[in-house]
Amino acid sequence: MSTSETLPTENSVSAPRRRIPWGWFFLGALVLAVVVGAVAGNFAGSALKSSRQAEDLQAWDTEQFLLAQADYGAGNYSVAMQRLEAVLKNEPDFPDAADLRERVLAAMNATPTPQPTATPIPSPTPDAPRAEQMLAQAKQQFADKNYVEMIKTLLTLKVEIPSFQPERVDGLLWVAYRFNGVYLIKNTNRLAEGMYYLDVAALYAPLDQEAVNEVASAKYFLSVYQSAYYYRNKDIEVSMKNFFEAYSIRPYFTERLVIDYADIIVQNADELVARDACAAWGYYEEALRLVPSHEAAAKGRDSARDGCGQPSPIPFAIGGTPTEG
């Protein structure tokens, strides 16, 4: 070896480039996809959880507001104030809560402060976990608008564990009875049943104004409806006027209401046709509008039309002899 030749040093030898197998790229992409999916799933789960918590909070605030109304009506002002403060802390814009709070505050200022009394410390209830579970079930039934099942749950709780927070359970029963009664009156034709539920609710605490109004509207409708039947064979015009009002309030109360209303219109037309065929024709037309298959109305209309002598009937009218329109 020549002395002019030098041995290669470690730094002077270039290291060969290492090739990364393609499989590692695939594995890295797979890991990245899993991580991204997990993050997205976590965000979706958090959003769903937040939505559920918001629904539960709204249901709780509604319950507390209604109980505060009941406490205010019963004179339990301090309890009502505590409930309203909690509601307004959760939802500062909760409907009517601030107004009710002002009324409670005014009532508290006008009421002498009672002397404090020792409050007994409640002893633990062995069945408390089960009772809390039943309460949670009742609150979920309230959120689902399943008021009948909510009532059953709470009544079962009262019977099986009567010592568990009886005032709280009674307050929730008021909520269940009240909401079910208002629902039945506003959304179904079961008016008497709805009024019954509200009567029971009133045994627990005074009704709020909306419930009172629904009871009044149901009673008024039923009185008009009953009056229509009462005068059916006594005074046709009075009966027809009451049927008209009942139909105007609840046009689809029952199929029987529509048929009976058409019948009384035909009876009135039958009495009218001899002296005013054109007016009777208008009544028959109205009866057929209500019940297109009404045979007596169709027969009477044809007869009245022949005797009218003009191309169109006098428009149907309630409360007197109709005039040409």
Protein backbone atom coordinates (compact mmCIF):
# COMPACT_ATOMS: atom_id res chain seq x y z
CA MET A 1 0.00 0.00 0.00
CA SER A 2 1.37 3.38 -0.98
CA THR A 3 2.15 5.79 1.73
CA SER A 4 0.33 8.45 -0.26
CA GLU A 5 -2.84 6.54 0.03
CA THR A 6 -4.79 7.23 3.13
CA LEU A 7 -7.23 4.92 4.82
CA PRO A 8 -10.78 6.05 4.71
CA THR A 9 -12.02 7.41 7.97
CA GLU A 10 -15.48 6.69 9.49
CA ASN A 11 -16.69 10.17 8.61
CA SER A 12 -15.47 10.03 5.05
CA VAL A 13 -17.57 6.95 4.15
CA SER A 14 -21.09 7.94 3.08
CA ALA A 15 -23.74 5.80 4.79
CA PRO A 16 -26.26 4.16 2.45
CA ARG A 17 -29.79 5.64 2.54
CA ARG A 18 -32.38 3.53 4.31
CA ARG A 19 -35.69 3.02 2.59
CA ILE A 20 -38.81 3.15 4.78
CA PRO A 21 -41.08 0.26 3.87
CA TRP A 22 -44.45 1.32 2.40
CA GLY A 23 -46.21 -0.66 5.10
CA TRP A 24 -45.13 1.90 7.69
CA PHE A 25 -46.90 4.67 5.73
CA PHE A 26 -50.10 2.60 5.75
CA LEU A 27 -49.79 1.94 9.48
CA GLY A 28 -49.24 5.63 10.21
CA ALA A 29 -52.29 6.63 8.17
CA LEU A 30 -54.37 4.03 9.99
CA VAL A 31 -53.29 5.30 13.39
CA LEU A 32 -54.05 8.89 12.34
CA ALA A 33 -57.53 7.87 11.15
CA VAL A 34 -58.23 6.13 14.46
CA VAL A 35 -57.08 9.17 16.44
CA VAL A 36 -59.18 11.56 14.34
CA GLY A 37 -62.21 9.28 14.66
CA ALA A 38 -61.80 9.04 18.40
CA VAL A 39 -61.56 12.82 18.74
CA ALA A 40 -64.63 13.33 16.52
CA GLY A 41 -66.55 10.70 18.47
CA ASN A 42 -65.59 12.35 21.71
CA PHE A 43 -66.84 15.72 20.48
CA ALA A 44 -70.11 14.14 19.23
CA GLY A 45 -70.58 12.33 22.52
CA SER A 46 -69.92 15.51 24.46
CA ALA A 47 -72.44 17.41 22.34
CA LEU A 48 -75.07 14.71 22.89
CA LYS A 49 -74.37 14.67 26.61
CA SER A 50 -74.61 18.46 26.77
CA SER A 51 -77.93 18.38 24.90
CA ARG A 52 -79.31 15.78 27.28
CA GLN A 53 -78.13 17.73 30.31
CA ALA A 54 -79.79 20.87 28.93
CA GLU A 55 -83.11 19.01 28.54
CA ASP A 56 -82.88 17.65 32.09
CA LEU A 57 -82.06 21.11 33.43
CA GLN A 58 -85.03 22.66 31.61
CA ALA A 59 -87.37 20.00 32.99
CA TRP A 60 -86.02 20.59 36.50
CA ASP A 61 -86.42 24.36 36.18
CA THR A 62 -90.01 23.93 34.96
CA GLU A 63 -90.79 21.66 37.90
CA GLN A 64 -89.28 24.10 40.39
CA PHE A 65 -91.12 27.07 38.88
CA LEU A 66 -94.48 25.29 39.13
CA LEU A 67 -93.74 24.23 42.68
CA ALA A 68 -92.81 27.83 43.46
CA GLN A 69 -96.22 28.91 42.15
CA ALA A 70 -97.86 26.38 44.44
CA ASP A 71 -95.74 27.49 47.41
CA TYR A 72 -96.61 31.12 46.71
CA GLY A 73 -100.32 30.29 46.63
CA ALA A 74 -100.01 28.37 49.90
CA GLY A 75 -98.08 31.17 51.60
CA ASN A 76 -94.76 29.30 51.74
CA TYR A 77 -92.87 32.35 50.55
CA SER A 78 -89.36 31.43 51.69
CA VAL A 79 -89.52 28.05 49.96
CA ALA A 80 -90.92 29.68 46.82
CA MET A 81 -88.08 32.21 46.86
CA GLN A 82 -85.45 29.47 47.14
CA ARG A 83 -86.94 27.63 44.16
CA LEU A 84 -87.10 30.79 42.04
CA GLU A 85 -83.54 31.79 42.87
CA ALA A 86 -82.37 28.37 41.69
CA VAL A 87 -84.38 28.64 38.48
CA LEU A 88 -83.12 32.12 37.68
CA LYS A 89 -79.55 31.05 38.38
CA ASN A 90 -79.91 28.33 35.73
CA GLU A 91 -82.04 30.33 33.29
CA PRO A 92 -82.08 34.11 33.94
CA ASP A 93 -84.74 34.55 31.23
CA PHE A 94 -87.06 31.78 32.42
CA PRO A 95 -90.62 32.96 31.53
CA ASP A 96 -92.46 34.71 34.40
CA ALA A 97 -89.89 33.62 37.00
CA ALA A 98 -88.60 37.13 37.66
CA ASP A 99 -92.15 38.50 37.94
CA LEU A 100 -93.16 35.78 40.38
CA ARG A 101 -90.00 36.44 42.38
CA GLU A 102 -91.00 40.10 42.78
CA ARG A 103 -94.49 39.08 43.96
CA VAL A 104 -93.02 36.60 46.44
CA LEU A 105 -90.61 39.24 47.70
CA ALA A 106 -93.45 41.73 48.17
CA ALA A 107 -95.46 39.11 50.05
CA MET A 108 -92.49 38.30 52.28
CA ASN A 109 -92.02 41.96 53.15
CA ALA A 110 -95.69 42.23 54.07
CA THR A 111 -95.65 39.09 56.22
CA PRO A 112 -94.34 39.15 59.82
CA THR A 113 -91.20 37.08 60.21
CA PRO A 114 -92.02 33.96 62.26
CA GLN A 115 -89.90 33.04 65.25
CA PRO A 116 -87.32 30.40 64.39
CA THR A 117 -88.03 26.93 65.68
CA ALA A 118 -85.73 24.01 66.02
CA THR A 119 -85.78 21.82 62.95
CA PRO A 120 -85.51 18.13 63.73
CA ILE A 121 -82.72 16.33 61.92
CA PRO A 122 -84.26 13.66 59.73
CA SER A 123 -83.07 10.14 60.30
CA PRO A 124 -81.66 8.29 57.30
CA THR A 125 -84.18 6.31 55.30
CA PRO A 126 -83.05 2.77 54.49
CA ASP A 127 -84.93 2.88 51.18
CA ALA A 128 -83.52 6.26 50.13
CA PRO A 129 -81.57 4.95 47.12
CA ARG A 130 -84.67 3.26 45.71
CA ALA A 131 -86.76 6.35 46.46
CA GLU A 132 -84.29 8.57 44.62
CA GLN A 133 -84.39 6.16 41.71
CA MET A 134 -88.19 6.41 41.60
CA LEU A 135 -87.97 10.20 41.74
CA ALA A 136 -85.54 10.18 38.84
CA GLN A 137 -87.97 7.95 36.95
CA ALA A 138 -90.82 10.37 37.65
CA LYS A 139 -88.77 13.32 36.40
CA GLN A 140 -87.95 11.46 33.19
CA GLN A 141 -91.64 10.69 32.72
CA PHE A 142 -92.36 14.39 33.14
CA ALA A 143 -89.78 15.24 30.49
CA ASP A 144 -91.41 12.66 28.19
CA LYS A 145 -94.87 14.18 28.91
CA ASN A 146 -95.98 10.78 30.22
CA TYR A 147 -97.94 12.29 33.09
CA VAL A 148 -100.16 9.28 33.87
CA GLU A 149 -97.12 7.04 34.42
CA MET A 150 -95.51 9.82 36.46
CA ILE A 151 -98.56 9.83 38.75
CA LYS A 152 -98.38 6.04 39.12
CA THR A 153 -94.69 6.19 40.00
CA LEU A 154 -95.17 8.89 42.63
CA LEU A 155 -98.22 7.22 44.19
CA THR A 156 -96.26 3.97 44.42
CA LEU A 157 -93.46 5.89 46.13
CA LYS A 158 -95.92 7.39 48.64
CA VAL A 159 -97.36 3.97 49.48
CA GLU A 160 -94.14 1.97 49.65
CA ILE A 161 -91.83 4.59 51.21
CA PRO A 162 -94.18 7.12 52.88
CA SER A 163 -91.46 8.65 55.04
CA PHE A 164 -89.32 9.76 52.11
CA GLN A 165 -89.61 13.55 51.57
CA PRO A 166 -93.43 13.61 51.53
CA GLU A 167 -93.64 17.34 50.74
CA ARG A 168 -91.39 16.96 47.72
CA VAL A 169 -93.36 13.95 46.46
CA ASP A 170 -96.67 15.80 46.92
CA GLY A 171 -95.28 18.76 45.02
CA LEU A 172 -94.36 16.53 42.10
CA LEU A 173 -97.79 14.92 42.22
CA TRP A 174 -99.32 18.39 41.89
CA VAL A 175 -97.17 18.94 38.81
CA ALA A 176 -98.23 15.61 37.27
CA TYR A 177 -101.95 16.04 37.94
CA ARG A 178 -101.89 19.65 36.78
CA PHE A 179 -100.05 19.00 33.52
CA ASN A 180 -102.15 15.97 32.65
CA GLY A 181 -105.39 17.87 33.29
CA VAL A 182 -104.37 20.83 31.13
CA TYR A 183 -103.15 18.50 28.38
CA LEU A 184 -106.45 16.59 28.27
CA ILE A 185 -108.53 19.77 28.06
CA LYS A 186 -106.36 21.53 25.47
CA ASN A 187 -105.49 18.60 23.22
CA THR A 188 -108.26 16.00 23.55
CA ASN A 189 -112.03 15.83 23.96
CA ARG A 190 -111.77 14.26 27.42
CA LEU A 191 -112.85 17.43 29.18
CA ALA A 192 -114.48 15.87 32.23
CA GLU A 193 -111.41 13.71 32.81
CA GLY A 194 -109.14 16.73 32.46
CA MET A 195 -111.18 18.69 35.00
CA TYR A 196 -111.01 15.70 37.37
CA TYR A 197 -107.20 15.69 37.25
CA LEU A 198 -107.12 19.42 37.94
CA ASP A 199 -109.53 18.98 40.85
CA VAL A 200 -107.13 16.44 42.33
CA ALA A 201 -104.18 18.77 41.72
CA ALA A 202 -106.01 21.50 43.65
CA LEU A 203 -106.06 19.19 46.69
CA TYR A 204 -102.26 19.40 46.81
CA ALA A 205 -101.84 23.13 46.07
CA PRO A 206 -103.72 26.01 44.39
CA LEU A 207 -103.90 25.90 40.60
CA ASP A 208 -101.99 28.39 38.48
CA GLN A 209 -103.87 30.83 36.22
CA GLU A 210 -103.52 28.79 33.03
CA ALA A 211 -105.04 25.73 34.69
CA VAL A 212 -107.85 27.83 36.16
CA ASN A 213 -108.59 29.25 32.71
CA GLU A 214 -108.66 25.78 31.13
CA VAL A 215 -111.17 24.57 33.74
CA ALA A 216 -113.35 27.60 33.08
CA SER A 217 -113.26 27.12 29.30
CA ALA A 218 -114.12 23.42 29.60
CA LYS A 219 -117.03 24.16 31.95
CA TYR A 220 -118.36 26.86 29.62
CA PHE A 221 -118.22 24.61 26.57
CA LEU A 222 -119.98 21.76 28.36
CA SER A 223 -122.70 24.10 29.63
CA VAL A 224 -123.35 25.41 26.10
CA TYR A 225 -123.32 21.88 24.70
CA GLN A 226 -125.76 20.62 27.33
CA SER A 227 -128.02 23.64 26.81
CA ALA A 228 -128.16 22.88 23.09
CA TYR A 229 -129.56 19.43 23.85
CA TYR A 230 -131.87 20.69 26.60
CA TYR A 231 -133.64 23.14 24.27
CA ARG A 232 -133.71 20.75 21.33
CA ASN A 233 -137.38 19.88 21.80
CA LYS A 234 -138.31 23.12 23.58
CA ASP A 235 -136.97 26.00 21.49
CA ILE A 236 -135.33 25.18 18.15
CA GLU A 237 -133.80 28.64 17.65
CA VAL A 238 -132.19 28.65 21.11
CA SER A 239 -130.97 25.09 20.61
CA MET A 240 -129.52 25.94 17.19
CA LYS A 241 -127.76 29.00 18.58
CA ASN A 242 -126.16 26.91 21.33
CA PHE A 243 -125.16 24.19 18.89
CA PHE A 244 -123.59 26.87 16.70
CA GLU A 245 -121.56 28.23 19.62
CA ALA A 246 -120.49 24.76 20.77
CA TYR A 247 -119.45 23.86 17.23
CA SER A 248 -117.54 27.13 16.89
CA ILE A 249 -115.56 26.43 20.08
CA ARG A 250 -114.81 22.74 19.42
CA PRO A 251 -115.87 21.82 15.88
CA TYR A 252 -114.53 18.29 16.19
CA PHE A 253 -115.51 17.58 19.78
CA THR A 254 -117.41 14.47 18.67
CA GLU A 255 -118.94 13.30 15.41
CA ARG A 256 -122.27 13.30 17.22
CA LEU A 257 -122.02 17.05 17.79
CA VAL A 258 -121.70 17.74 14.06
CA ILE A 259 -124.58 15.42 13.14
CA ASP A 260 -126.87 16.81 15.84
CA TYR A 261 -126.02 20.38 14.82
CA ALA A 262 -126.96 19.55 11.23
CA ASP A 263 -130.19 17.93 12.44
CA ILE A 264 -131.29 21.02 14.37
CA ILE A 265 -130.55 23.22 11.33
CA VAL A 266 -132.78 20.96 9.22
CA GLN A 267 -135.53 21.13 11.85
CA ASN A 268 -135.38 24.91 11.76
CA ALA A 269 -135.45 24.90 7.95
CA ASP A 270 -138.45 22.58 7.94
CA GLU A 271 -140.38 25.09 10.05
CA LEU A 272 -139.21 28.00 7.90
CA VAL A 273 -139.70 26.62 4.40
CA ALA A 274 -143.45 27.30 4.15
CA ARG A 275 -143.07 31.04 4.76
CA ASP A 276 -139.55 31.66 3.37
CA ALA A 277 -138.29 28.99 0.98
CA CYS A 278 -135.14 30.97 0.05
CA ALA A 279 -134.03 31.27 3.67
CA ALA A 280 -134.83 27.60 4.28
CA TRP A 281 -132.73 26.72 1.22
CA GLY A 282 -129.73 28.44 2.86
CA TYR A 283 -130.25 26.41 6.05
CA TYR A 284 -130.43 23.14 4.15
CA GLU A 285 -127.23 24.04 2.30
CA GLU A 286 -125.46 24.66 5.62
CA ALA A 287 -126.62 21.30 6.98
CA LEU A 288 -125.25 19.60 3.86
CA ARG A 289 -121.96 21.42 4.27
CA LEU A 290 -121.66 19.91 7.73
CA VAL A 291 -122.95 16.45 6.77
CA PRO A 292 -122.88 15.94 2.98
CA SER A 293 -124.76 12.64 3.27
CA HIS A 294 -127.68 14.15 5.23
CA GLU A 295 -130.71 12.77 3.36
CA ALA A 296 -133.33 15.01 5.00
CA ALA A 297 -131.25 18.10 4.21
CA ALA A 298 -130.84 17.07 0.56
CA LYS A 299 -134.56 16.42 0.15
CA GLY A 300 -135.50 19.69 1.87
CA ARG A 301 -133.00 21.68 -0.20
CA ASP A 302 -134.48 20.44 -3.48
CA SER A 303 -137.98 21.35 -2.33
CA ALA A 304 -136.92 24.78 -1.04
CA ARG A 305 -134.96 25.52 -4.21
CA ASP A 306 -138.03 24.80 -6.34
CA GLY A 307 -140.15 27.13 -4.22
CA CYS A 308 -137.59 29.92 -3.88
CA GLY A 309 -137.95 31.51 -7.32
CA GLN A 310 -134.45 33.04 -7.31
CA PRO A 311 -131.09 31.66 -8.53
CA SER A 312 -129.35 31.42 -5.14
CA PRO A 313 -130.39 30.78 -1.53
CA ILE A 314 -130.38 33.37 1.24
CA PRO A 315 -127.12 32.88 3.19
CA PHE A 316 -127.37 30.82 6.35
CA ALA A 317 -127.48 32.97 9.51
CA ILE A 318 -127.78 32.39 13.27
CA GLY A 319 -129.86 34.56 15.55
CA GLY A 320 -132.75 35.63 13.39
CA THR A 321 -134.15 35.49 9.89
CA PRO A 322 -131.25 35.68 7.42
CA THR A 323 -131.17 38.46 4.89
CA GLU A 324 -129.86 38.41 1.36
CA GLY A 325 -126.17 38.97 1.32
